[in-house]
Amino acid sequence: PVMLKASEGGGGKGIRMSNSEDELRTNFQQVSNEVPGSPMFMMQLCRNARHLEVQIVGDEHGQAV
């Protein structure tokens, strides 16, 4: 399973779990409609995790922290 998430979503908005290619196609449209114009990313689902969030800040020179 994978998670599809809009980077500008929040509070459960713009995030969907997909167990198949058909679900992913449907969820892509739903996320696109919930958070129009937001970039989206897909990640492998981490089962039994309570909360996992990673943020990376970078600049135009490729420097990141």
Protein backbone atom coordinates (compact mmCIF):
# COMPACT_ATOMS: atom_id res chain seq x y z
CA PRO A 1 0.00 0.00 0.00
CA VAL A 2 1.03 3.60 -0.66
CA MET A 3 -0.06 7.00 0.62
CA LEU A 4 -0.77 9.82 -1.81
CA LYS A 5 -0.47 13.25 -0.20
CA ALA A 6 -0.88 16.82 -1.35
CA SER A 7 2.02 18.84 0.03
CA GLU A 8 -0.34 21.75 0.75
CA GLY A 9 -2.97 19.62 2.49
CA GLY A 10 -3.47 19.32 6.22
CA GLY A 11 -5.86 18.08 8.85
CA GLY A 12 -6.59 14.90 6.89
CA LYS A 13 -7.34 16.86 3.72
CA GLY A 14 -5.50 15.73 0.60
CA ILE A 15 -4.23 12.37 1.82
CA ARG A 16 -5.37 8.91 0.70
CA MET A 17 -4.19 5.31 1.11
CA SER A 18 -4.21 3.12 -1.99
CA ASN A 19 -3.99 -0.66 -2.07
CA SER A 20 -4.16 -1.06 -5.85
CA GLU A 21 -3.50 0.80 -9.09
CA ASP A 22 -7.25 1.39 -9.54
CA GLU A 23 -7.53 2.93 -6.05
CA LEU A 24 -4.47 5.08 -6.75
CA ARG A 25 -6.05 6.45 -9.95
CA THR A 26 -9.29 7.26 -8.11
CA ASN A 27 -7.48 8.76 -5.13
CA PHE A 28 -5.30 10.89 -7.40
CA GLN A 29 -8.42 12.62 -8.70
CA GLN A 30 -9.86 13.04 -5.19
CA VAL A 31 -6.67 14.57 -3.81
CA SER A 32 -6.37 16.84 -6.87
CA ASN A 33 -9.90 18.11 -6.25
CA GLU A 34 -9.42 18.60 -2.50
CA VAL A 35 -6.22 20.65 -2.82
CA PRO A 36 -6.21 22.12 -6.36
CA GLY A 37 -2.80 23.01 -7.76
CA SER A 38 -0.86 21.45 -4.88
CA PRO A 39 2.16 19.31 -5.68
CA MET A 40 1.61 15.69 -4.63
CA PHE A 41 3.91 12.95 -3.48
CA MET A 42 3.56 9.24 -2.95
CA MET A 43 5.19 7.18 -0.23
CA GLN A 44 5.12 3.62 1.03
CA LEU A 45 2.63 3.14 3.86
CA CYS A 46 4.20 2.54 7.27
CA ARG A 47 1.82 0.21 9.05
CA ASN A 48 1.28 0.51 12.82
CA ALA A 49 2.87 3.97 12.88
CA ARG A 50 1.06 6.56 14.96
CA HIS A 51 2.53 9.60 13.25
CA LEU A 52 5.50 10.09 11.00
CA GLU A 53 6.46 13.39 9.46
CA VAL A 54 9.71 14.58 7.94
CA GLN A 55 10.36 18.07 6.63
CA ILE A 56 13.38 19.11 4.61
CA VAL A 57 14.24 22.74 3.93
CA GLY A 58 16.41 23.51 0.94
CA ASP A 59 17.54 26.44 -1.17
CA GLU A 60 18.17 27.07 -4.87
CA HIS A 61 21.82 26.00 -4.47
CA GLY A 62 20.96 22.43 -3.39
CA GLN A 63 21.76 23.03 0.28
CA ALA A 64 19.36 21.21 2.58
CA VAL A 65 18.91 20.68 6.31
